[in-house]
C-alpha atoms as a PDB file:
ATOM      1  CA  MET A   1      -0.231   0.096  -0.325  1.00  0.00           C
ATOM      2  CA  SER A   2       1.518   3.688  -0.832  1.00  0.00           C
ATOM      3  CA  LEU A   3       1.469   6.185   0.781  1.00  0.00           C
ATOM      4  CA  ASP A   4       0.927   9.621   0.686  1.00  0.00           C
ATOM      5  CA  PRO A   5       3.881  11.441   1.825  1.00  0.00           C
ATOM      6  CA  ASN A   6       2.369  14.506   2.817  1.00  0.00           C
ATOM      7  CA  SER A   7      -0.497  12.805   4.797  1.00  0.00           C
ATOM      8  CA  SER A   8      -0.404  13.251   8.824  1.00  0.00           C
ATOM      9  CA  SER A   9       0.665   9.409   9.250  1.00  0.00           C
ATOM     10  CA  THR A  10       4.038   9.633   7.474  1.00  0.00           C
ATOM     11  CA  ARG A  11       5.434  12.990   8.835  1.00  0.00           C
ATOM     12  CA  GLN A  12       7.590  12.513  12.377  1.00  0.00           C
ATOM     13  CA  GLY A  13       8.180  15.968  12.270  1.00  0.00           C
ATOM     14  CA  PRO A  14      10.975  18.177  10.357  1.00  0.00           C
ATOM     15  CA  ARG A  15      13.310  16.348   7.633  1.00  0.00           C
ATOM     16  CA  LEU A  16      16.784  17.655   8.322  1.00  0.00           C
ATOM     17  CA  HIS A  17      19.422  18.941   5.902  1.00  0.00           C
ATOM     18  CA  PRO A  18      21.461  15.151   4.718  1.00  0.00           C
ATOM     19  CA  PHE A  19      24.872  17.628   6.313  1.00  0.00           C
ATOM     20  CA  GLN A  20      22.519  18.761   9.735  1.00  0.00           C
ATOM     21  CA  ALA A  21      23.134  16.569  13.021  1.00  0.00           C
ATOM     22  CA  PRO A  22      19.881  15.974  14.801  1.00  0.00           C
ATOM     23  CA  GLN A  23      21.723  17.184  17.479  1.00  0.00           C
ATOM     24  CA  GLY A  24      22.192  20.955  15.864  1.00  0.00           C
ATOM     25  CA  ASP A  25      25.008  23.042  14.921  1.00  0.00           C
ATOM     26  CA  LEU A  26      27.982  23.076  17.545  1.00  0.00           C
ATOM     27  CA  ALA A  27      28.586  26.141  19.226  1.00  0.00           C
ATOM     28  CA  ILE A  28      31.224  27.505  21.822  1.00  0.00           C
ATOM     29  CA  LEU A  29      30.875  30.311  23.727  1.00  0.00           C
ATOM     30  CA  ALA A  30      33.869  31.726  26.176  1.00  0.00           C
ATOM     31  CA  GLY A  31      33.059  32.955  29.960  1.00  0.00           C
ATOM     32  CA  SER A  32      35.100  35.922  30.600  1.00  0.00           C
ATOM     33  CA  GLY A  33      36.631  33.739  33.143  1.00  0.00           C
ATOM     34  CA  ASN A  34      38.360  31.057  30.503  1.00  0.00           C
ATOM     35  CA  PRO A  35      38.867  33.355  27.292  1.00  0.00           C
ATOM     36  CA  ILE A  36      42.182  32.027  26.299  1.00  0.00           C
ATOM     37  CA  PHE A  37      41.096  28.487  26.859  1.00  0.00           C
ATOM     38  CA  ALA A  38      37.623  28.891  25.039  1.00  0.00           C
ATOM     39  CA  ARG A  39      39.766  29.965  22.278  1.00  0.00           C
ATOM     40  CA  ARG A  40      42.083  27.068  22.107  1.00  0.00           C
ATOM     41  CA  ILE A  41      39.390  24.568  22.475  1.00  0.00           C
ATOM     42  CA  ALA A  42      37.630  26.623  19.353  1.00  0.00           C
ATOM     43  CA  ASP A  43      40.814  26.578  17.396  1.00  0.00           C
ATOM     44  CA  GLU A  44      41.096  22.612  18.158  1.00  0.00           C
ATOM     45  CA  LEU A  45      37.694  21.890  17.076  1.00  0.00           C
ATOM     46  CA  GLY A  46      38.165  23.304  14.246  1.00  0.00           C
ATOM     47  CA  VAL A  47      35.247  26.299  14.740  1.00  0.00           C
ATOM     48  CA  ARG A  48      34.606  29.774  15.148  1.00  0.00           C
ATOM     49  CA  LEU A  49      34.017  30.698  18.550  1.00  0.00           C
ATOM     50  CA  THR A  50      30.043  32.021  19.174  1.00  0.00           C
ATOM     51  CA  PRO A  51      30.276  36.081  19.734  1.00  0.00           C
ATOM     52  CA  CYS A  52      28.851  37.076  22.973  1.00  0.00           C
ATOM     53  CA  GLU A  53      29.567  39.307  25.819  1.00  0.00           C
ATOM     54  CA  ALA A  54      29.690  39.876  29.378  1.00  0.00           C
ATOM     55  CA  GLN A  55      30.135  42.643  31.661  1.00  0.00           C
ATOM     56  CA  ILE A  56      30.112  44.060  35.159  1.00  0.00           C
ATOM     57  CA  PHE A  57      28.357  47.199  36.053  1.00  0.00           C
ATOM     58  CA  SER A  58      29.461  49.622  38.414  1.00  0.00           C
ATOM     59  CA  GLU A  59      27.898  48.400  41.191  1.00  0.00           C
ATOM     60  CA  GLY A  60      28.789  44.948  41.013  1.00  0.00           C
ATOM     61  CA  ASN A  61      25.627  43.213  38.765  1.00  0.00           C
ATOM     62  CA  VAL A  62      26.740  40.858  36.114  1.00  0.00           C
ATOM     63  CA  PHE A  63      25.333  41.007  32.508  1.00  0.00           C
ATOM     64  CA  VAL A  64      25.565  38.461  29.850  1.00  0.00           C
ATOM     65  CA  ARG A  65      24.349  38.675  26.257  1.00  0.00           C
ATOM     66  CA  ILE A  66      25.048  35.796  22.434  1.00  0.00           C
ATOM     67  CA  LEU A  67      25.321  38.288  20.042  1.00  0.00           C
ATOM     68  CA  GLU A  68      23.991  35.877  16.803  1.00  0.00           C
ATOM     69  CA  ASN A  69      20.850  33.007  16.966  1.00  0.00           C
ATOM     70  CA  VAL A  70      21.653  29.647  19.109  1.00  0.00           C
ATOM     71  CA  ARG A  71      17.877  28.339  18.212  1.00  0.00           C
ATOM     72  CA  GLY A  72      18.053  24.693  17.987  1.00  0.00           C
ATOM     73  CA  ARG A  73      22.238  24.645  18.300  1.00  0.00           C
ATOM     74  CA  ASP A  74      24.052  22.441  20.448  1.00  0.00           C
ATOM     75  CA  THR A  75      25.817  24.911  22.965  1.00  0.00           C
ATOM     76  CA  PHE A  76      28.891  24.679  25.210  1.00  0.00           C
ATOM     77  CA  VAL A  77      29.641  27.655  27.303  1.00  0.00           C
ATOM     78  CA  ILE A  78      33.653  27.385  28.674  1.00  0.00           C
ATOM     79  CA  GLN A  79      33.552  29.224  32.582  1.00  0.00           C
ATOM     80  CA  GLY A  80      35.581  28.421  34.981  1.00  0.00           C
ATOM     81  CA  VAL A  81      35.049  29.084  38.825  1.00  0.00           C
ATOM     82  CA  HIS A  82      37.671  30.046  39.709  1.00  0.00           C
ATOM     83  CA  ARG A  83      39.594  33.544  40.784  1.00  0.00           C
ATOM     84  CA  PRO A  84      36.716  35.836  41.107  1.00  0.00           C
ATOM     85  CA  VAL A  85      34.707  32.890  42.052  1.00  0.00           C
ATOM     86  CA  ASN A  86      31.237  34.086  42.815  1.00  0.00           C
ATOM     87  CA  ASP A  87      31.439  36.333  40.046  1.00  0.00           C
ATOM     88  CA  ASN A  88      32.341  33.921  37.674  1.00  0.00           C
ATOM     89  CA  PHE A  89      30.220  31.019  39.235  1.00  0.00           C
ATOM     90  CA  VAL A  90      27.467  33.923  38.879  1.00  0.00           C
ATOM     91  CA  GLU A  91      28.251  34.463  35.126  1.00  0.00           C
ATOM     92  CA  LEU A  92      28.090  30.999  34.517  1.00  0.00           C
ATOM     93  CA  LEU A  93      24.642  30.250  35.553  1.00  0.00           C
ATOM     94  CA  PHE A  94      23.565  33.444  33.574  1.00  0.00           C
ATOM     95  CA  TRP A  95      24.770  32.179  30.582  1.00  0.00           C
ATOM     96  CA  ILE A  96      22.981  28.687  30.462  1.00  0.00           C
ATOM     97  CA  ASP A  97      20.037  30.552  31.261  1.00  0.00           C
ATOM     98  CA  ALA A  98      20.110  32.930  27.980  1.00  0.00           C
ATOM     99  CA  LEU A  99      21.108  29.890  26.297  1.00  0.00           C
ATOM    100  CA  LYS A 100      18.282  28.116  27.329  1.00  0.00           C
ATOM    101  CA  ARG A 101      15.403  31.530  26.701  1.00  0.00           C
ATOM    102  CA  ALA A 102      17.230  31.526  23.482  1.00  0.00           C
ATOM    103  CA  SER A 103      16.082  28.014  22.535  1.00  0.00           C
ATOM    104  CA  ALA A 104      19.346  26.044  22.476  1.00  0.00           C
ATOM    105  CA  GLN A 105      18.781  22.748  22.258  1.00  0.00           C
ATOM    106  CA  GLN A 106      21.336  21.468  24.548  1.00  0.00           C
ATOM    107  CA  VAL A 107      23.785  23.437  27.392  1.00  0.00           C
ATOM    108  CA  THR A 108      26.561  22.282  28.268  1.00  0.00           C
ATOM    109  CA  ALA A 109      28.319  23.930  31.473  1.00  0.00           C
ATOM    110  CA  VAL A 110      32.039  23.409  30.514  1.00  0.00           C
ATOM    111  CA  ILE A 111      33.537  24.193  33.771  1.00  0.00           C
ATOM    112  CA  PRO A 112      37.194  23.792  33.576  1.00  0.00           C
ATOM    113  CA  TYR A 113      38.027  24.123  37.329  1.00  0.00           C
ATOM    114  CA  PHE A 114      35.024  23.582  40.485  1.00  0.00           C
ATOM    115  CA  SER A 115      36.709  25.582  42.710  1.00  0.00           C
ATOM    116  CA  TYR A 116      33.484  25.205  45.276  1.00  0.00           C
ATOM    117  CA  ALA A 117      34.343  21.171  44.749  1.00  0.00           C
ATOM    118  CA  LYS A 118      36.267  21.783  47.952  1.00  0.00           C
ATOM    119  CA  GLY A 119      33.206  21.356  49.667  1.00  0.00           C
ATOM    120  CA  ASP A 120      31.700  18.398  48.976  1.00  0.00           C
ATOM    121  CA  LYS A 121      31.052  17.402  53.166  1.00  0.00           C
ATOM    122  CA  LYS A 122      29.253  17.991  56.358  1.00  0.00           C
ATOM    123  CA  ASP A 123      32.802  17.785  58.483  1.00  0.00           C
ATOM    124  CA  GLU A 124      31.811  20.397  61.199  1.00  0.00           C
ATOM    125  CA  PRO A 125      28.744  21.503  62.629  1.00  0.00           C
ATOM    126  CA  ARG A 126      26.647  24.162  60.922  1.00  0.00           C
ATOM    127  CA  VAL A 127      28.332  24.267  57.571  1.00  0.00           C
ATOM    128  CA  SER A 128      27.046  23.884  54.244  1.00  0.00           C
ATOM    129  CA  ILE A 129      27.534  21.214  51.340  1.00  0.00           C
ATOM    130  CA  ARG A 130      28.488  23.997  49.335  1.00  0.00           C
ATOM    131  CA  ALA A 131      29.410  21.833  46.216  1.00  0.00           C
ATOM    132  CA  ARG A 132      25.600  20.526  46.171  1.00  0.00           C
ATOM    133  CA  VAL A 133      24.001  23.749  46.875  1.00  0.00           C
ATOM    134  CA  CYS A 134      26.111  25.074  43.569  1.00  0.00           C
ATOM    135  CA  ALA A 135      25.583  21.916  41.914  1.00  0.00           C
ATOM    136  CA  ASP A 136      20.819  22.200  42.177  1.00  0.00           C
ATOM    137  CA  ALA A 137      21.828  25.720  41.163  1.00  0.00           C
ATOM    138  CA  ILE A 138      23.580  25.367  37.687  1.00  0.00           C
ATOM    139  CA  GLU A 139      20.508  22.270  37.185  1.00  0.00           C
ATOM    140  CA  ALA A 140      18.261  24.957  37.926  1.00  0.00           C
ATOM    141  CA  ALA A 141      19.928  27.559  35.719  1.00  0.00           C
ATOM    142  CA  GLY A 142      18.730  25.018  33.212  1.00  0.00           C
ATOM    143  CA  ALA A 143      22.161  22.887  31.916  1.00  0.00           C
ATOM    144  CA  ASP A 144      21.234  19.731  30.695  1.00  0.00           C
ATOM    145  CA  ARG A 145      24.931  18.202  30.975  1.00  0.00           C
ATOM    146  CA  VAL A 146      28.318  18.904  32.808  1.00  0.00           C
ATOM    147  CA  LEU A 147      31.697  18.730  31.718  1.00  0.00           C
ATOM    148  CA  THR A 148      35.111  19.625  34.007  1.00  0.00           C
ATOM    149  CA  MET A 149      38.101  18.187  35.025  1.00  0.00           C
ATOM    150  CA  ASP A 150      39.996  16.721  38.180  1.00  0.00           C
ATOM    151  CA  LEU A 151      36.656  17.509  40.531  1.00  0.00           C
ATOM    152  CA  HIS A 152      38.181  17.572  44.080  1.00  0.00           C
ATOM    153  CA  SER A 153      36.021  14.496  44.800  1.00  0.00           C
ATOM    154  CA  PRO A 154      34.744  12.143  42.379  1.00  0.00           C
ATOM    155  CA  GLN A 155      31.632  11.619  43.870  1.00  0.00           C
ATOM    156  CA  ILE A 156      30.548  15.014  43.425  1.00  0.00           C
ATOM    157  CA  GLN A 157      29.421  14.334  40.220  1.00  0.00           C
ATOM    158  CA  GLY A 158      26.747  12.352  41.978  1.00  0.00           C
ATOM    159  CA  PHE A 159      25.652  15.647  43.656  1.00  0.00           C
ATOM    160  CA  PHE A 160      23.718  16.459  39.956  1.00  0.00           C
ATOM    161  CA  SER A 161      20.837  14.339  38.567  1.00  0.00           C
ATOM    162  CA  VAL A 162      22.077  15.531  34.708  1.00  0.00           C
ATOM    163  CA  PRO A 163      24.915  14.141  33.612  1.00  0.00           C
ATOM    164  CA  VAL A 164      28.271  15.025  33.918  1.00  0.00           C
ATOM    165  CA  ASP A 165      30.904  14.221  32.252  1.00  0.00           C
ATOM    166  CA  HIS A 166      34.122  14.270  34.351  1.00  0.00           C
ATOM    167  CA  LEU A 167      38.202  14.164  32.530  1.00  0.00           C
ATOM    168  CA  TYR A 168      41.592  13.533  34.368  1.00  0.00           C
ATOM    169  CA  ALA A 169      44.366  15.922  33.445  1.00  0.00           C
ATOM    170  CA  ARG A 170      47.047  12.690  34.676  1.00  0.00           C
ATOM    171  CA  ALA A 171      47.045  11.460  30.909  1.00  0.00           C
ATOM    172  CA  VAL A 172      48.385  14.793  29.572  1.00  0.00           C
ATOM    173  CA  ILE A 173      50.463  14.984  32.616  1.00  0.00           C
ATOM    174  CA  CYS A 174      52.008  11.515  32.435  1.00  0.00           C
ATOM    175  CA  GLU A 175      53.087  12.005  28.700  1.00  0.00           C
ATOM    176  CA  HIS A 176      55.162  15.376  29.611  1.00  0.00           C
ATOM    177  CA  VAL A 177      56.576  13.592  32.619  1.00  0.00           C
ATOM    178  CA  LYS A 178      57.587  10.885  30.047  1.00  0.00           C
ATOM    179  CA  LYS A 179      59.752  13.440  27.869  1.00  0.00           C
ATOM    180  CA  LEU A 180      61.728  13.768  30.793  1.00  0.00           C
ATOM    181  CA  GLN A 181      62.844   9.712  30.725  1.00  0.00           C
ATOM    182  CA  LEU A 182      63.339  10.445  34.501  1.00  0.00           C
ATOM    183  CA  ASP A 183      65.185   7.474  36.039  1.00  0.00           C
ATOM    184  CA  ASN A 184      64.074   5.647  38.937  1.00  0.00           C
ATOM    185  CA  LEU A 185      61.261   7.462  39.662  1.00  0.00           C
ATOM    186  CA  VAL A 186      58.585   7.499  42.192  1.00  0.00           C
ATOM    187  CA  VAL A 187      54.979   8.674  42.570  1.00  0.00           C
ATOM    188  CA  CYS A 188      54.155  10.497  46.060  1.00  0.00           C
ATOM    189  CA  SER A 189      50.771  11.050  47.283  1.00  0.00           C
ATOM    190  CA  PRO A 190      50.908  14.466  49.926  1.00  0.00           C
ATOM    191  CA  ASP A 191      48.098  12.549  51.471  1.00  0.00           C
ATOM    192  CA  VAL A 192      45.936   9.530  52.173  1.00  0.00           C
ATOM    193  CA  GLY A 193      42.786  10.565  50.151  1.00  0.00           C
ATOM    194  CA  PHE A 194      44.965  11.285  46.757  1.00  0.00           C
ATOM    195  CA  ALA A 195      46.397   8.150  46.992  1.00  0.00           C
ATOM    196  CA  LYS A 196      43.966   6.582  44.305  1.00  0.00           C
ATOM    197  CA  SER A 197      44.817   8.900  42.411  1.00  0.00           C
ATOM    198  CA  ALA A 198      48.043   8.661  42.507  1.00  0.00           C
ATOM    199  CA  SER A 199      48.388   5.117  42.102  1.00  0.00           C
ATOM    200  CA  ALA A 200      46.802   5.961  38.602  1.00  0.00           C
ATOM    201  CA  PHE A 201      49.327   8.340  37.701  1.00  0.00           C
ATOM    202  CA  ALA A 202      52.157   5.671  38.592  1.00  0.00           C
ATOM    203  CA  ASN A 203      50.339   3.217  36.611  1.00  0.00           C
ATOM    204  CA  LEU A 204      50.465   5.410  33.703  1.00  0.00           C
ATOM    205  CA  LEU A 205      53.909   5.910  34.177  1.00  0.00           C
ATOM    206  CA  GLY A 206      54.776   2.356  35.325  1.00  0.00           C
ATOM    207  CA  VAL A 207      56.454   3.384  38.504  1.00  0.00           C
ATOM    208  CA  PRO A 208      55.820   2.680  42.523  1.00  0.00           C
ATOM    209  CA  VAL A 209      53.918   4.652  44.547  1.00  0.00           C
ATOM    210  CA  VAL A 210      54.552   6.264  48.147  1.00  0.00           C
ATOM    211  CA  ILE A 211      51.677   8.193  50.294  1.00  0.00           C
ATOM    212  CA  GLY A 212      52.338  11.185  52.811  1.00  0.00           C
ATOM    213  CA  ASN A 213      50.451  11.799  55.646  1.00  0.00           C
ATOM    214  CA  LYS A 214      49.377  15.328  56.405  1.00  0.00           C
ATOM    215  CA  GLN A 215      46.460  16.618  59.052  1.00  0.00           C
ATOM    216  CA  ARG A 216      45.041  19.958  58.480  1.00  0.00           C
ATOM    217  CA  LYS A 217      44.069  21.570  61.779  1.00  0.00           C
ATOM    218  CA  ASP A 218      42.012  24.328  61.005  1.00  0.00           C
ATOM    219  CA  HIS A 219      40.997  26.535  58.072  1.00  0.00           C
ATOM    220  CA  SER A 220      44.341  28.412  57.394  1.00  0.00           C
ATOM    221  CA  GLU A 221      45.287  26.325  54.485  1.00  0.00           C
ATOM    222  CA  ARG A 222      48.440  25.091  56.316  1.00  0.00           C
ATOM    223  CA  ALA A 223      48.997  21.480  56.566  1.00  0.00           C
ATOM    224  CA  GLN A 224      51.153  19.624  59.243  1.00  0.00           C
ATOM    225  CA  ILE A 225      53.087  16.510  57.138  1.00  0.00           C
ATOM    226  CA  LEU A 226      53.527  13.889  59.884  1.00  0.00           C
ATOM    227  CA  GLU A 227      55.276  10.847  57.760  1.00  0.00           C
ATOM    228  CA  VAL A 228      56.145   9.009  54.382  1.00  0.00           C
ATOM    229  CA  ILE A 229      54.378   6.039  53.488  1.00  0.00           C
ATOM    230  CA  GLY A 230      57.286   4.104  51.391  1.00  0.00           C
ATOM    231  CA  SER A 231      60.810   4.561  50.577  1.00  0.00           C
ATOM    232  CA  VAL A 232      61.847   7.660  47.992  1.00  0.00           C
ATOM    233  CA  ASP A 233      65.686   7.059  48.699  1.00  0.00           C
ATOM    234  CA  GLY A 234      67.856   7.793  46.098  1.00  0.00           C
ATOM    235  CA  CYS A 235      64.704   8.173  43.930  1.00  0.00           C
ATOM    236  CA  ASN A 236      63.398  11.016  41.584  1.00  0.00           C
ATOM    237  CA  VAL A 237      59.872  11.833  43.001  1.00  0.00           C
ATOM    238  CA  LEU A 238      56.249  13.315  41.171  1.00  0.00           C
ATOM    239  CA  MET A 239      54.343  14.832  43.622  1.00  0.00           C
ATOM    240  CA  VAL A 240      50.887  14.818  42.022  1.00  0.00           C
ATOM    241  CA  ASP A 241      47.434  16.322  43.862  1.00  0.00           C
ATOM    242  CA  ASP A 242      44.446  17.834  42.422  1.00  0.00           C
ATOM    243  CA  PHE A 243      45.162  21.485  42.738  1.00  0.00           C
ATOM    244  CA  THR A 244      47.357  23.808  45.095  1.00  0.00           C
ATOM    245  CA  ILE A 245      46.600  26.597  46.570  1.00  0.00           C
ATOM    246  CA  THR A 246      49.187  28.454  49.293  1.00  0.00           C
ATOM    247  CA  GLY A 247      51.940  25.864  47.367  1.00  0.00           C
ATOM    248  CA  GLY A 248      52.457  24.976  51.387  1.00  0.00           C
ATOM    249  CA  SER A 249      51.628  21.273  51.178  1.00  0.00           C
ATOM    250  CA  LEU A 250      53.952  20.775  48.160  1.00  0.00           C
ATOM    251  CA  CYS A 251      56.871  22.765  49.532  1.00  0.00           C
ATOM    252  CA  SER A 252      56.604  20.751  53.162  1.00  0.00           C
ATOM    253  CA  MET A 253      56.413  17.377  51.514  1.00  0.00           C
ATOM    254  CA  ALA A 254      58.855  18.200  49.417  1.00  0.00           C
ATOM    255  CA  ASP A 255      61.169  19.063  52.612  1.00  0.00           C
ATOM    256  CA  VAL A 256      60.061  15.379  54.510  1.00  0.00           C
ATOM    257  CA  LEU A 257      61.182  13.797  50.665  1.00  0.00           C
ATOM    258  CA  LYS A 258      64.167  15.141  50.630  1.00  0.00           C
ATOM    259  CA  ALA A 259      64.987  14.483  54.600  1.00  0.00           C
ATOM    260  CA  ARG A 260      64.248  11.003  53.672  1.00  0.00           C
ATOM    261  CA  GLY A 261      66.838  10.418  50.423  1.00  0.00           C
ATOM    262  CA  ALA A 262      65.038  11.790  47.728  1.00  0.00           C
ATOM    263  CA  LYS A 263      67.139  13.423  44.552  1.00  0.00           C
ATOM    264  CA  ASP A 264      64.747  15.496  42.322  1.00  0.00           C
ATOM    265  CA  ILE A 265      61.980  16.716  43.335  1.00  0.00           C
ATOM    266  CA  TYR A 266      58.502  17.343  40.439  1.00  0.00           C
ATOM    267  CA  ALA A 267      55.250  18.193  41.417  1.00  0.00           C
ATOM    268  CA  ALA A 268      52.452  18.300  39.403  1.00  0.00           C
ATOM    269  CA  VAL A 269      48.748  18.970  39.729  1.00  0.00           C
ATOM    270  CA  SER A 270      45.822  19.640  37.825  1.00  0.00           C
ATOM    271  CA  HIS A 271      44.889  23.147  38.667  1.00  0.00           C
ATOM    272  CA  GLY A 272      47.136  26.022  39.926  1.00  0.00           C
ATOM    273  CA  VAL A 273      45.374  28.482  41.982  1.00  0.00           C
ATOM    274  CA  LEU A 274      48.215  29.970  43.111  1.00  0.00           C
ATOM    275  CA  SER A 275      47.256  32.786  45.935  1.00  0.00           C
ATOM    276  CA  LYS A 276      49.534  35.474  45.994  1.00  0.00           C
ATOM    277  CA  GLY A 277      53.017  34.261  47.594  1.00  0.00           C
ATOM    278  CA  ALA A 278      52.306  30.712  46.061  1.00  0.00           C
ATOM    279  CA  SER A 279      54.675  30.775  42.872  1.00  0.00           C
ATOM    280  CA  GLU A 280      57.476  32.343  45.173  1.00  0.00           C
ATOM    281  CA  ARG A 281      57.378  29.865  47.889  1.00  0.00           C
ATOM    282  CA  ILE A 282      57.311  26.962  45.310  1.00  0.00           C
ATOM    283  CA  GLN A 283      60.291  29.011  43.960  1.00  0.00           C
ATOM    284  CA  ASN A 284      62.616  28.717  46.825  1.00  0.00           C
ATOM    285  CA  SER A 285      61.327  25.156  47.302  1.00  0.00           C
ATOM    286  CA  GLN A 286      62.891  21.740  47.135  1.00  0.00           C
ATOM    287  CA  ILE A 287      61.099  21.570  44.168  1.00  0.00           C
ATOM    288  CA  CYS A 288      63.177  21.344  41.039  1.00  0.00           C
ATOM    289  CA  ARG A 289      59.843  21.702  38.073  1.00  0.00           C
ATOM    290  CA  MET A 290      55.915  22.289  38.739  1.00  0.00           C
ATOM    291  CA  PHE A 291      53.768  21.609  36.097  1.00  0.00           C
ATOM    292  CA  MET A 292      50.280  22.555  36.625  1.00  0.00           C
ATOM    293  CA  THR A 293      47.312  22.804  33.707  1.00  0.00           C
ATOM    294  CA  ASP A 294      46.040  25.305  31.921  1.00  0.00           C
ATOM    295  CA  THR A 295      42.497  25.320  33.208  1.00  0.00           C
ATOM    296  CA  ILE A 296      42.983  28.698  34.974  1.00  0.00           C
ATOM    297  CA  GLU A 297      43.834  31.756  33.289  1.00  0.00           C
ATOM    298  CA  THR A 298      42.940  34.414  36.158  1.00  0.00           C
ATOM    299  CA  LEU A 299      46.523  34.157  38.332  1.00  0.00           C
ATOM    300  CA  VAL A 300      47.353  36.980  41.419  1.00  0.00           C
ATOM    301  CA  GLU A 301      51.410  36.581  40.431  1.00  0.00           C
ATOM    302  CA  GLU A 302      52.714  35.026  37.281  1.00  0.00           C
ATOM    303  CA  PRO A 303      54.674  31.929  37.953  1.00  0.00           C
ATOM    304  CA  GLY A 304      58.482  32.081  37.915  1.00  0.00           C
ATOM    305  CA  ASP A 305      60.373  29.644  35.581  1.00  0.00           C
ATOM    306  CA  LYS A 306      60.176  26.346  37.598  1.00  0.00           C
ATOM    307  CA  PHE A 307      56.752  26.148  36.274  1.00  0.00           C
ATOM    308  CA  ASP A 308      55.084  24.429  33.350  1.00  0.00           C
ATOM    309  CA  ILE A 309      51.940  25.243  31.836  1.00  0.00           C
ATOM    310  CA  ILE A 310      50.349  21.858  30.301  1.00  0.00           C
ATOM    311  CA  SER A 311      47.790  22.678  27.970  1.00  0.00           C
ATOM    312  CA  VAL A 312      44.101  20.272  28.548  1.00  0.00           C
ATOM    313  CA  ALA A 313      42.627  22.442  25.910  1.00  0.00           C
ATOM    314  CA  PRO A 314      42.950  19.665  23.065  1.00  0.00           C
ATOM    315  CA  LEU A 315      41.778  16.883  25.814  1.00  0.00           C
ATOM    316  CA  PHE A 316      38.348  19.279  26.453  1.00  0.00           C
ATOM    317  CA  ALA A 317      37.801  19.661  22.623  1.00  0.00           C
ATOM    318  CA  GLN A 318      38.015  15.352  21.981  1.00  0.00           C
ATOM    319  CA  ALA A 319      35.382  15.791  24.807  1.00  0.00           C
ATOM    320  CA  ILE A 320      33.009  18.214  23.258  1.00  0.00           C
ATOM    321  CA  ARG A 321      33.488  16.122  19.860  1.00  0.00           C
ATOM    322  CA  SER A 322      32.401  13.055  21.883  1.00  0.00           C
ATOM    323  CA  ILE A 323      29.464  14.640  23.824  1.00  0.00           C
ATOM    324  CA  HIS A 324      28.033  16.150  20.564  1.00  0.00           C
ATOM    325  CA  ASP A 325      29.026  13.794  18.379  1.00  0.00           C
ATOM    326  CA  ARG A 326      27.083  11.522  20.596  1.00  0.00           C
ATOM    327  CA  THR A 327      30.171   8.815  21.082  1.00  0.00           C
ATOM    328  CA  SER A 328      31.675   7.551  24.526  1.00  0.00           C
ATOM    329  CA  VAL A 329      33.899  10.612  26.585  1.00  0.00           C
ATOM    330  CA  SER A 330      35.469   6.783  28.169  1.00  0.00           C
ATOM    331  CA  MET A 331      36.905   5.934  24.681  1.00  0.00           C
ATOM    332  CA  LEU A 332      39.716   9.353  25.040  1.00  0.00           C
ATOM    333  CA  PHE A 333      41.085   7.681  28.486  1.00  0.00           C
ATOM    334  CA  PRO A 334      41.789   3.830  26.710  1.00  0.00           C
ATOM    335  CA  ASP A 335      43.883   3.331  30.300  1.00  0.00           C
ATOM    336  CA  GLU A 336      41.985   4.383  32.781  1.00  0.00           C
ATOM    337  CA  LYS A 337      39.008   2.120  33.819  1.00  0.00           C
ATOM    338  CA  ALA A 338      35.349   3.800  33.091  1.00  0.00           C
ATOM    339  CA  LEU A 339      34.668   7.040  33.915  1.00  0.00           C
END
């Protein structure tokens, strides 16, 4: 039986152009927190940044505007939650809201560094679980999914009911370290909490791992290194962590490692937050090289000559392409367990 192609029984919605993806054209927007990083991602993808603007008025109000049509498009707004943390976070919410109100087909919040992830539990009386509050706000603003890197605790993904794609910088960092061809290398976690991630670094490098034991008694951002579990005598050591603010823990750990007989000491973090004085502290420490990624570009001070900045923009670009093409993001990490 032949059917009329114009009859209601055969119409399944608007016909797509043969080269038009059902999820809509790709659109990359740069928030004011990561304009350089966003440009690198767009260049990797071979697309232009969607014109937009953000402004903070004299009384402190944040204003955002998209400068071209995004109706029906698959949109990714790149906006880290780093210094100035609250301005950047509110701006992120406004970008999400603006995109939803402009009828974007899907809105992905790309958050290279999510600083409020540190507030992931109620470990003191009468405190807020800040990461959960932020997750609720991002969802309430209308985000359809989140793309981020090296959350302070991976289980924060469970604070969201929308999909979260969680990237890891360690493969990129390890490729950089391998080029140095360091002999007798050992990976060191600065504390027990990062031991599992440090083991993943060690597996990628094919070297042993040792674990530091530190104690943090208050909110002064200073930690006391108590002990190192494992031998570093005569070894080159790579200390790894998800972020550093003051550099104090890494520098203190470097002193302990040196006292235990370590040779050259390197450090690597996914996010170099670096408060005032941190760069100088690391420059004057036992650390001979400091590796960090480019997820944060608004630093209080310029990093010194000990610092190597490693770009993870290509990794984010690959993840965005996978999300847009509806392919597996976990395939980007063949040596890792399923993400």
